Each structure stands twice: as structure tokens, then as C-alpha cells.
Amino acid sequence: VSWLFNPTRSEITSLDSGNIDDILNNADVALVNFYADWCRFSQMLHPIFEEASNVIKEEYPDKNQVVFARVDCDQHSDIAQRYRISKYPTLKLFRNGMMMKREYRGQRSVTAIADYIRQQKSNPIREVQDLEEISSLDRSRRNIVGYFEQKDSDNYRTFERVANILHDDCVFLSAFGAISKAERFSGDNVIYKPPGENAPDMVYLGSLTNFDLIYAWTQDKCVPLVREITFENGEELTEEGLPFLILFHMKDDLESLEKFQQEVARQLISEKGTINFLHADCDKFRHPLLHIQKTPADCPVIAIDSFRHMYVFPDFSDLSVPGKLKQFVLDLHSGKLHREFHHGPDPTDIAPGQPIQDLASSPPESSFQKLAPSEHRYTLLREKDEL
């Protein structure tokens, strides 16, 4: 096919294991096309991706401002595995070498891709001209406010880098010079203003030039430990590649949600990064509940979705029993939940006189559905799928 590649015109950088880290780490913004030559949709995207690159390069000529790159996933399966790529083509955004959670899901056109990059290059921080603006912030949002003596400083550049990565999760604001002086009694200062009119502010106490420290602190504030899963973000969450620990609760049952959040923080903080902690509206997620023989009338219900099967936490009232919830998660990682669903309780767990589960039994299927053509891609079943 004559239009697949045009090396003399293309601004696309081919990535491999030898150059990927150097190129991505030095790029302010990089859009990477993970493709496979045999994939028809990958073939269709190539000329569009190249033309979008040419358009953007005219606006951002510095080679490190914006990089358009590609990875042949058949030739470099190690890279595809590293970034959990399981469908083609996949467009991922990187900032200074860090992959963003949200992949590009917009229209596959030159205009749409170019507009997306322009949006990514826009300033994610709103500059405050009067401290009165801070008092009128939308307190339903998570706000991070930086007070700096001057914009041209290492402190602000680090803050700006963090904001570029997390601006989808928090609102970032800044004030400088005389405007910020009242808040800089001990030097430049960064404050988190959590949701809620009466929620107390939290002050960052670490080094403002240490990116790793301030990023970790800001991410902890901007990305809740327990997130809500919806039909809109379900596929995005599955692409993080971690199993789900889900609390199904009625929308107005905030008490159960608060208990779940407290116990996750108390028992499972060390498991962050091995499993996603989520909560879901029982009414909206009736279909997943059916997979575990539950209805909204049974809520609150806690379950693990491993993307193969769903496993139910035996009794919500045991949530506050020390170590109970953590053991449930550890039993997933060890394979015990899967093994016991197929073969009955482990011998050491069988009480005297307790019958062994029928070997033919199997756990409820996952509430997630595979999408062709990739055998590893999942998406939430919507209610229309029940029809």
C-alpha cells in the first residue's frame, strides 16, 4: 500500500529498546503510536498521524517540545508489554517520560490530533491576580495552589511539571510576587484545598525542587485512594491492568462508602499499585451484581473482579474486622480465591463436618467483557447489554 509510510516527509520517530527512554525523557510532550503492521486500522492511521505531526512541528519547531513517535509492537513486544498495550493502534501521551493514564480516544483525524496536542501544550495553571479569587474557589473540586516569589524559578518549574501531569485530576492555581507575599511567610508555598467548604487546607512540607517528592504528595491528594467507577471511565480503569476491589453501594449510602474508604486506608495502603480500589452505584451496575447473584437490595456488597472471575467478600459486616479485608486481597494474589472456587476450600480451611464444594462449580464470570480483536481487552457491560 503506497501510503503506509513516507519517510522523507514524516516527522515520526521510531522507538526501540535502545532509544525509547532517552527520547521520551527529554520530550515535554510525546504522542506515541503503538501499532502492528498487520492491523488495518494501524495502516489507516499512519498517514493521518504523520500529517498531524507535520502540522504540529510548524507550530512547535523545537524538537523536544513535541515528539511524535511510533512503536512497532510486533518487532518490540517488550515495549508493548512494558506499557500494557493490547490493542492496535493505541495512542499514548507521555510527559517528560511519564505515561499519562488516559490514552487518546478522540477522532482519528489530522485536525483532532493536532487540536489535542495544542490542548496538551496549553498552560494547566491559572494565574491568580488577587487572593480574593482563592476564597471563591469551587470547593467541589480538588485545588492545588502554589504561592511563589517569582515565575522564573526552579520551584515554579517543578510545580508546573507536576501540574502538566495531574491537571486532569486537580485544579492548579498560582500567585506571584506581591500578590502571593501574604502566603509566603516562610518562603514559596504549595497548599492543597480538598473538596468541602469546611475541609482544612494541607501544606506541602517537602522540597519544592524535588520532583519525585512533590509529585507523590500531589498525586496522593489529587487521585483518591478509592475512586468511583462509571460507564465513562470503566474501560480506562481496566487499561491500568490491575484487578478491582469494588464496593457496590446505593448512591445515598455514604456511610458504607466512608467505612470502606477507612478500611482500605487502614488495611490495604501497602497494596496500592497491585489492585484498584473502587466504588460503584448499585442501581447503575445491576448487571455486574447479577454476575455474583446479587441485586441492589443486597447492597452494600464488596467484590473483587480479576477480569476472569468475580469473588464476593463474604459479609460486609466483617469489613472492620482487623486484617479481614486485607486477607481477601492477599487470597486473590496467591491464587487461593480462584483455586477454592474451582476445587473447594483448601484442606486446612475445612471445618469438621463441612462438605467439600462440588468440583464442577466455578466462580461467577467477570463483569467485564472482552472486545475483539484483542483477547485481552475488556470494557464494562452497559445496561443496554442486558437487553
Protein backbone atom coordinates (compact mmCIF):
# COMPACT_ATOMS: atom_id res chain seq x y z
CA VAL A 1 0.00 0.00 0.00
CA SER A 2 1.70 3.14 -1.23
CA TRP A 3 0.51 5.48 1.53
CA LEU A 4 1.68 3.48 4.55
CA PHE A 5 4.91 5.41 5.13
CA ASN A 6 6.62 8.43 3.61
CA PRO A 7 9.97 8.68 5.41
CA THR A 8 11.09 11.81 3.54
CA ARG A 9 8.07 13.77 4.76
CA SER A 10 7.32 12.15 8.09
CA GLU A 11 8.36 13.65 11.40
CA ILE A 12 7.72 10.37 13.21
CA THR A 13 10.45 8.94 15.44
CA SER A 14 10.68 5.14 15.56
CA LEU A 15 11.26 3.91 19.09
CA ASP A 16 13.09 0.79 20.19
CA SER A 17 14.57 -0.50 23.43
CA GLY A 18 17.79 1.40 22.75
CA ASN A 19 16.37 4.90 22.31
CA ILE A 20 12.93 5.00 23.91
CA ASP A 21 13.92 6.21 27.36
CA ASP A 22 16.26 8.92 26.10
CA ILE A 23 13.75 10.30 23.58
CA LEU A 24 10.71 10.24 25.86
CA ASN A 25 12.54 11.55 28.94
CA ASN A 26 13.70 14.61 27.01
CA ALA A 27 10.33 15.40 25.41
CA ASP A 28 8.00 17.91 27.04
CA VAL A 29 5.11 16.10 25.34
CA ALA A 30 5.27 12.93 23.26
CA LEU A 31 2.43 11.20 21.44
CA VAL A 32 3.31 7.58 20.71
CA ASN A 33 1.51 5.40 18.19
CA PHE A 34 1.70 1.75 19.27
CA TYR A 35 0.84 -0.19 16.11
CA ALA A 36 1.06 -3.52 14.30
CA ASP A 37 1.71 -3.73 10.57
CA TRP A 38 -0.92 -6.41 10.04
CA CYS A 39 -3.64 -4.25 11.63
CA ARG A 40 -5.79 -2.47 9.03
CA PHE A 41 -6.62 0.34 11.45
CA SER A 42 -2.92 0.87 12.12
CA GLN A 43 -2.36 1.17 8.40
CA MET A 44 -5.15 3.72 8.10
CA LEU A 45 -3.74 5.82 10.94
CA HIS A 46 -0.16 6.10 9.63
CA PRO A 47 -0.69 8.91 7.07
CA ILE A 48 -3.04 10.80 9.42
CA PHE A 49 -0.53 10.58 12.27
CA GLU A 50 2.30 11.76 10.01
CA GLU A 51 0.33 14.73 8.68
CA ALA A 52 -0.68 15.76 12.21
CA SER A 53 3.00 15.62 13.16
CA ASN A 54 3.91 17.90 10.27
CA VAL A 55 1.23 20.41 11.27
CA ILE A 56 2.35 20.49 14.90
CA LYS A 57 6.05 20.71 14.05
CA GLU A 58 5.39 24.01 12.27
CA GLU A 59 3.90 25.41 15.49
CA TYR A 60 6.41 23.81 17.89
CA PRO A 61 9.70 23.60 15.96
CA ASP A 62 11.88 22.76 18.98
CA LYS A 63 12.43 19.01 18.69
CA ASN A 64 11.91 18.50 22.44
CA GLN A 65 8.69 20.50 22.70
CA VAL A 66 6.53 17.88 20.97
CA VAL A 67 7.61 14.45 19.74
CA PHE A 68 5.50 12.21 17.51
CA ALA A 69 6.79 8.66 17.79
CA ARG A 70 5.78 5.11 16.97
CA VAL A 71 6.46 1.60 18.21
CA ASP A 72 6.11 -1.50 16.05
CA CYS A 73 4.65 -3.79 18.71
CA ASP A 74 5.37 -6.96 16.74
CA GLN A 75 9.05 -6.07 16.50
CA HIS A 76 9.24 -4.68 20.04
CA SER A 77 6.90 -6.81 22.13
CA ASP A 78 8.94 -5.98 25.24
CA ILE A 79 7.95 -2.31 24.90
CA ALA A 80 4.31 -3.22 24.26
CA GLN A 81 4.32 -5.35 27.40
CA ARG A 82 6.02 -2.62 29.43
CA TYR A 83 3.22 -0.17 28.61
CA ARG A 84 0.43 -2.80 28.69
CA ILE A 85 -0.51 -2.37 25.05
CA SER A 86 -3.02 -4.99 23.95
CA LYS A 87 -4.90 -3.36 21.06
CA TYR A 88 -3.81 -1.56 17.91
CA PRO A 89 -3.40 1.20 17.22
CA THR A 90 -3.13 2.75 20.68
CA LEU A 91 -2.10 6.40 21.08
CA LYS A 92 -0.47 7.19 24.42
CA LEU A 93 0.63 10.57 25.72
CA PHE A 94 3.92 10.97 27.64
CA ARG A 95 5.21 13.95 29.59
CA ASN A 96 8.93 14.00 30.37
CA GLY A 97 9.00 10.22 30.00
CA MET A 98 5.96 9.55 32.19
CA MET A 99 3.00 7.87 30.50
CA MET A 100 -0.34 9.50 31.18
CA LYS A 101 -3.20 7.29 32.40
CA ARG A 102 -5.62 8.42 29.73
CA GLU A 103 -4.89 7.34 26.20
CA TYR A 104 -6.00 9.44 23.25
CA ARG A 105 -9.58 8.44 22.42
CA GLY A 106 -10.53 11.29 20.12
CA GLN A 107 -11.27 11.27 16.43
CA ARG A 108 -8.54 9.80 14.23
CA SER A 109 -8.13 12.88 12.04
CA VAL A 110 -5.33 15.37 11.45
CA THR A 111 -7.37 18.24 12.90
CA ALA A 112 -8.46 16.34 16.02
CA ILE A 113 -4.98 15.03 16.82
CA ALA A 114 -3.38 18.44 16.24
CA ASP A 115 -6.01 20.12 18.46
CA TYR A 116 -5.36 17.52 21.16
CA ILE A 117 -1.65 18.34 21.19
CA ARG A 118 -2.34 22.07 21.29
CA GLN A 119 -4.56 21.45 24.30
CA GLN A 120 -1.80 19.44 25.99
CA LYS A 121 0.62 22.33 25.41
CA SER A 122 -1.69 24.90 26.97
CA ASN A 123 -0.83 26.18 30.42
CA PRO A 124 -2.51 23.92 33.03
CA ILE A 125 -2.08 26.53 35.79
CA ARG A 126 -4.39 29.51 36.22
CA GLU A 127 -2.56 32.57 37.49
CA VAL A 128 -4.34 34.36 40.32
CA GLN A 129 -4.40 38.16 40.16
CA ASP A 130 -5.99 38.70 43.58
CA LEU A 131 -6.08 36.44 46.63
CA GLU A 132 -9.83 37.03 46.80
CA GLU A 133 -10.06 34.57 43.91
CA ILE A 134 -8.82 31.84 46.24
CA SER A 135 -11.70 32.40 48.66
CA SER A 136 -14.22 31.87 45.86
CA LEU A 137 -12.79 28.62 44.52
CA ASP A 138 -15.13 25.80 43.54
CA ARG A 139 -14.80 23.64 46.67
CA SER A 140 -16.39 20.66 44.96
CA ARG A 141 -13.05 20.29 43.15
CA ARG A 142 -9.58 19.37 44.37
CA ASN A 143 -7.47 22.53 44.25
CA ILE A 144 -3.69 22.89 44.43
CA VAL A 145 -2.45 26.45 44.93
CA GLY A 146 1.18 27.49 44.61
CA TYR A 147 2.50 30.77 46.03
CA PHE A 148 5.83 31.83 44.55
CA GLU A 149 8.09 34.85 44.72
CA GLN A 150 8.75 34.67 41.00
CA LYS A 151 7.69 32.64 38.00
CA ASP A 152 11.25 32.23 36.69
CA SER A 153 12.37 29.88 39.44
CA ASP A 154 13.20 26.21 39.94
CA ASN A 155 10.38 25.94 42.48
CA TYR A 156 7.76 27.04 39.98
CA ARG A 157 9.20 24.94 37.15
CA THR A 158 8.84 21.83 39.30
CA PHE A 159 5.27 22.85 40.22
CA GLU A 160 4.50 23.41 36.54
CA ARG A 161 5.82 19.97 35.63
CA VAL A 162 3.59 18.34 38.26
CA ALA A 163 0.58 20.33 37.04
CA ASN A 164 1.19 19.23 33.47
CA ILE A 165 0.84 15.61 34.55
CA LEU A 166 -2.04 15.88 37.03
CA HIS A 167 -4.17 18.71 35.64
CA ASP A 168 -6.98 16.28 34.74
CA ASP A 169 -7.28 15.30 38.40
CA CYS A 170 -6.85 18.66 40.16
CA VAL A 171 -7.29 22.37 39.51
CA PHE A 172 -3.90 24.13 39.68
CA LEU A 173 -3.52 27.82 40.51
CA SER A 174 -0.56 30.07 41.20
CA ALA A 175 0.18 33.54 42.55
CA PHE A 176 3.43 35.51 42.32
CA GLY A 177 5.29 38.40 43.84
CA ALA A 178 3.39 40.96 45.90
CA ILE A 179 0.08 39.14 45.36
CA SER A 180 1.40 35.96 46.98
CA LYS A 181 3.50 37.61 49.70
CA ALA A 182 0.96 37.09 52.49
CA GLU A 183 1.09 33.32 51.89
CA ARG A 184 4.90 33.15 51.68
CA PHE A 185 5.74 33.86 55.31
CA SER A 186 8.30 31.01 55.24
CA GLY A 187 9.15 31.04 51.54
CA ASP A 188 7.43 29.64 48.46
CA ASN A 189 4.46 27.54 49.46
CA VAL A 190 2.10 24.91 47.97
CA ILE A 191 -1.29 24.20 49.53
CA TYR A 192 -3.95 21.58 48.83
CA LYS A 193 -7.56 22.65 49.28
CA PRO A 194 -9.68 19.48 49.39
CA PRO A 195 -13.36 19.27 48.43
CA GLY A 196 -15.78 20.60 51.02
CA GLU A 197 -16.37 24.12 52.28
CA ASN A 198 -15.04 23.34 55.76
CA ALA A 199 -12.27 20.90 54.81
CA PRO A 200 -8.93 22.07 56.25
CA ASP A 201 -6.05 23.00 53.95
CA MET A 202 -2.98 20.79 53.76
CA VAL A 203 0.50 22.24 53.30
CA TYR A 204 3.31 20.56 51.34
CA LEU A 205 6.33 20.44 53.66
CA GLY A 206 8.96 18.89 51.39
CA SER A 207 11.47 20.34 48.94
CA LEU A 208 9.85 22.30 46.12
CA THR A 209 12.64 21.37 43.73
CA ASN A 210 12.37 17.61 44.38
CA PHE A 211 10.02 16.48 41.63
CA ASP A 212 9.54 12.95 42.95
CA LEU A 213 8.51 14.18 46.40
CA ILE A 214 6.10 16.88 45.32
CA TYR A 215 4.63 14.70 42.58
CA ALA A 216 3.96 11.85 45.03
CA TRP A 217 2.37 14.28 47.51
CA THR A 218 0.21 15.94 44.85
CA GLN A 219 -0.86 12.65 43.28
CA ASP A 220 -1.92 11.41 46.71
CA LYS A 221 -4.14 14.49 47.08
CA CYS A 222 -5.48 14.62 43.52
CA VAL A 223 -6.15 10.94 42.90
CA PRO A 224 -8.38 9.44 45.62
CA LEU A 225 -7.34 6.11 47.08
CA VAL A 226 -10.88 4.88 46.39
CA ARG A 227 -12.21 6.07 43.04
CA GLU A 228 -15.70 5.86 41.60
CA ILE A 229 -16.09 3.61 38.58
CA THR A 230 -18.60 4.71 35.95
CA PHE A 231 -19.55 3.63 32.46
CA GLU A 232 -17.48 6.55 31.17
CA ASN A 233 -14.19 5.63 32.88
CA GLY A 234 -14.58 1.85 33.15
CA GLU A 235 -12.51 0.94 30.11
CA GLU A 236 -9.83 3.43 31.09
CA LEU A 237 -9.56 1.82 34.52
CA THR A 238 -9.27 -1.69 33.06
CA GLU A 239 -6.37 -0.49 30.93
CA GLU A 240 -4.39 0.22 34.09
CA GLY A 241 -4.10 -3.57 34.20
CA LEU A 242 -4.94 -4.03 37.89
CA PRO A 243 -7.79 -6.12 39.33
CA PHE A 244 -10.65 -4.28 41.03
CA LEU A 245 -11.74 -4.30 44.64
CA ILE A 246 -15.22 -2.78 44.36
CA LEU A 247 -17.75 -1.59 46.90
CA PHE A 248 -21.23 -1.68 45.38
CA HIS A 249 -23.42 0.71 47.37
CA MET A 250 -26.56 2.77 46.93
CA LYS A 251 -25.79 6.29 45.80
CA ASP A 252 -27.06 7.87 49.03
CA ASP A 253 -25.36 5.31 51.28
CA LEU A 254 -22.37 7.44 52.17
CA GLU A 255 -21.88 5.69 55.50
CA SER A 256 -20.88 2.40 53.85
CA LEU A 257 -18.59 4.25 51.46
CA GLU A 258 -16.87 6.04 54.34
CA LYS A 259 -16.34 2.73 56.19
CA PHE A 260 -14.90 1.16 53.05
CA GLN A 261 -12.56 4.10 52.47
CA GLN A 262 -11.36 3.96 56.08
CA GLU A 263 -10.66 0.23 55.98
CA VAL A 264 -8.90 0.43 52.61
CA ALA A 265 -6.66 3.16 54.03
CA ARG A 266 -6.12 1.20 57.25
CA GLN A 267 -5.62 -2.31 55.87
CA LEU A 268 -4.64 -2.01 52.22
CA ILE A 269 -2.43 1.03 51.73
CA SER A 270 0.51 -1.34 51.13
CA GLU A 271 -1.48 -2.97 48.28
CA LYS A 272 -1.83 0.28 46.34
CA GLY A 273 -0.34 -0.43 42.94
CA THR A 274 -1.43 -4.10 42.96
CA ILE A 275 -5.20 -3.56 42.93
CA ASN A 276 -7.56 -0.67 42.18
CA PHE A 277 -9.92 0.40 44.97
CA LEU A 278 -13.27 1.44 43.54
CA HIS A 279 -16.88 2.10 44.43
CA ALA A 280 -19.92 1.80 42.18
CA ASP A 281 -23.58 2.77 42.19
CA CYS A 282 -25.67 -0.38 42.77
CA ASP A 283 -28.55 0.89 40.64
CA LYS A 284 -26.36 1.65 37.65
CA PHE A 285 -24.30 -1.52 37.99
CA ARG A 286 -27.11 -4.06 38.25
CA HIS A 287 -25.53 -6.24 35.58
CA PRO A 288 -22.22 -6.84 37.40
CA LEU A 289 -24.22 -7.56 40.55
CA LEU A 290 -26.15 -10.25 38.70
CA HIS A 291 -22.84 -11.97 37.98
CA ILE A 292 -22.44 -12.54 41.71
CA GLN A 293 -26.13 -13.37 42.29
CA LYS A 294 -26.81 -10.04 43.97
CA THR A 295 -29.28 -7.21 43.45
CA PRO A 296 -29.36 -3.60 44.72
CA ALA A 297 -31.41 -4.88 47.66
CA ASP A 298 -28.29 -6.77 48.83
CA CYS A 299 -26.07 -3.69 48.84
CA PRO A 300 -23.59 -2.81 50.23
CA VAL A 301 -21.57 -5.62 48.66
CA ILE A 302 -17.79 -5.92 48.28
CA ALA A 303 -16.31 -7.96 45.46
CA ILE A 304 -13.08 -8.48 43.56
CA ASP A 305 -13.12 -8.53 39.78
CA SER A 306 -9.97 -10.19 38.46
CA PHE A 307 -11.16 -9.77 34.82
CA ARG A 308 -11.57 -13.55 34.74
CA HIS A 309 -13.99 -14.05 37.61
CA MET A 310 -15.71 -12.16 40.39
CA TYR A 311 -15.23 -13.10 44.03
CA VAL A 312 -17.54 -11.88 46.81
CA PHE A 313 -16.35 -10.72 50.22
CA PRO A 314 -18.43 -13.00 52.48
CA ASP A 315 -20.02 -10.45 54.79
CA PHE A 316 -19.92 -6.64 54.65
CA SER A 317 -20.28 -6.53 58.45
CA ASP A 318 -16.82 -8.16 58.67
CA LEU A 319 -15.27 -5.16 56.94
CA SER A 320 -13.90 -3.69 60.16
CA VAL A 321 -12.52 -6.99 61.48
CA PRO A 322 -8.74 -6.39 61.63
CA GLY A 323 -6.98 -7.92 58.62
CA LYS A 324 -10.13 -9.44 57.10
CA LEU A 325 -10.26 -7.25 54.00
CA LYS A 326 -6.51 -7.45 53.50
CA GLN A 327 -6.60 -11.26 53.65
CA PHE A 328 -9.32 -11.22 50.99
CA VAL A 329 -6.98 -9.30 48.67
CA LEU A 330 -3.97 -11.46 49.57
CA ASP A 331 -6.04 -14.56 48.75
CA LEU A 332 -6.58 -13.12 45.28
CA HIS A 333 -2.86 -12.56 44.72
CA SER A 334 -1.95 -16.03 45.99
CA GLY A 335 -4.50 -17.69 43.72
CA LYS A 336 -6.47 -19.03 46.65
CA LEU A 337 -9.76 -17.40 45.61
CA HIS A 338 -9.55 -18.86 42.13
CA ARG A 339 -8.44 -22.26 43.38
CA GLU A 340 -11.16 -22.55 46.00
CA PHE A 341 -13.91 -21.58 43.61
CA HIS A 342 -12.89 -24.39 41.30
CA HIS A 343 -11.80 -27.05 43.78
CA GLY A 344 -13.47 -26.20 47.07
CA PRO A 345 -11.86 -24.92 50.28
CA ASP A 346 -8.21 -25.69 50.90
CA PRO A 347 -7.89 -28.70 53.24
CA THR A 348 -6.65 -26.57 56.13
CA ASP A 349 -9.73 -24.35 55.79
CA ILE A 350 -12.33 -27.13 56.01
CA ALA A 351 -14.16 -27.24 59.32
CA PRO A 352 -15.07 -30.67 60.76
CA GLY A 353 -18.18 -31.98 59.04
CA GLN A 354 -18.13 -29.24 56.38
CA PRO A 355 -18.83 -30.68 52.90
CA ILE A 356 -16.25 -30.07 50.18
CA GLN A 357 -17.56 -27.89 47.39
CA ASP A 358 -18.56 -29.60 44.17
CA LEU A 359 -15.51 -29.75 41.91
CA ALA A 360 -17.63 -28.83 38.92
CA SER A 361 -18.57 -25.46 40.39
CA SER A 362 -16.99 -22.32 39.03
CA PRO A 363 -16.82 -18.69 40.11
CA PRO A 364 -19.08 -16.06 38.62
CA GLU A 365 -17.79 -14.67 35.37
CA SER A 366 -16.20 -11.24 35.30
CA SER A 367 -18.49 -8.26 34.88
CA PHE A 368 -16.18 -7.17 32.10
CA GLN A 369 -16.46 -8.19 28.50
CA LYS A 370 -13.72 -8.93 26.03
CA LEU A 371 -13.63 -6.79 22.91
CA ALA A 372 -12.48 -8.22 19.59
CA PRO A 373 -9.95 -8.36 18.08
CA SER A 374 -7.69 -8.27 21.15
CA GLU A 375 -8.21 -11.16 23.51
CA HIS A 376 -7.00 -9.10 26.44
CA ARG A 377 -9.17 -6.00 26.06
CA TYR A 378 -12.10 -5.52 28.39
CA THR A 379 -14.83 -2.96 28.77
CA LEU A 380 -17.71 -2.54 31.16
CA LEU A 381 -21.00 -4.07 30.16
CA ARG A 382 -23.51 -1.28 29.82
CA GLU A 383 -27.11 -1.69 30.81
CA LYS A 384 -28.12 -1.93 27.16
CA ASP A 385 -26.20 -5.18 27.01
CA GLU A 386 -28.76 -6.69 29.34
CA LEU A 387 -31.47 -6.33 26.72
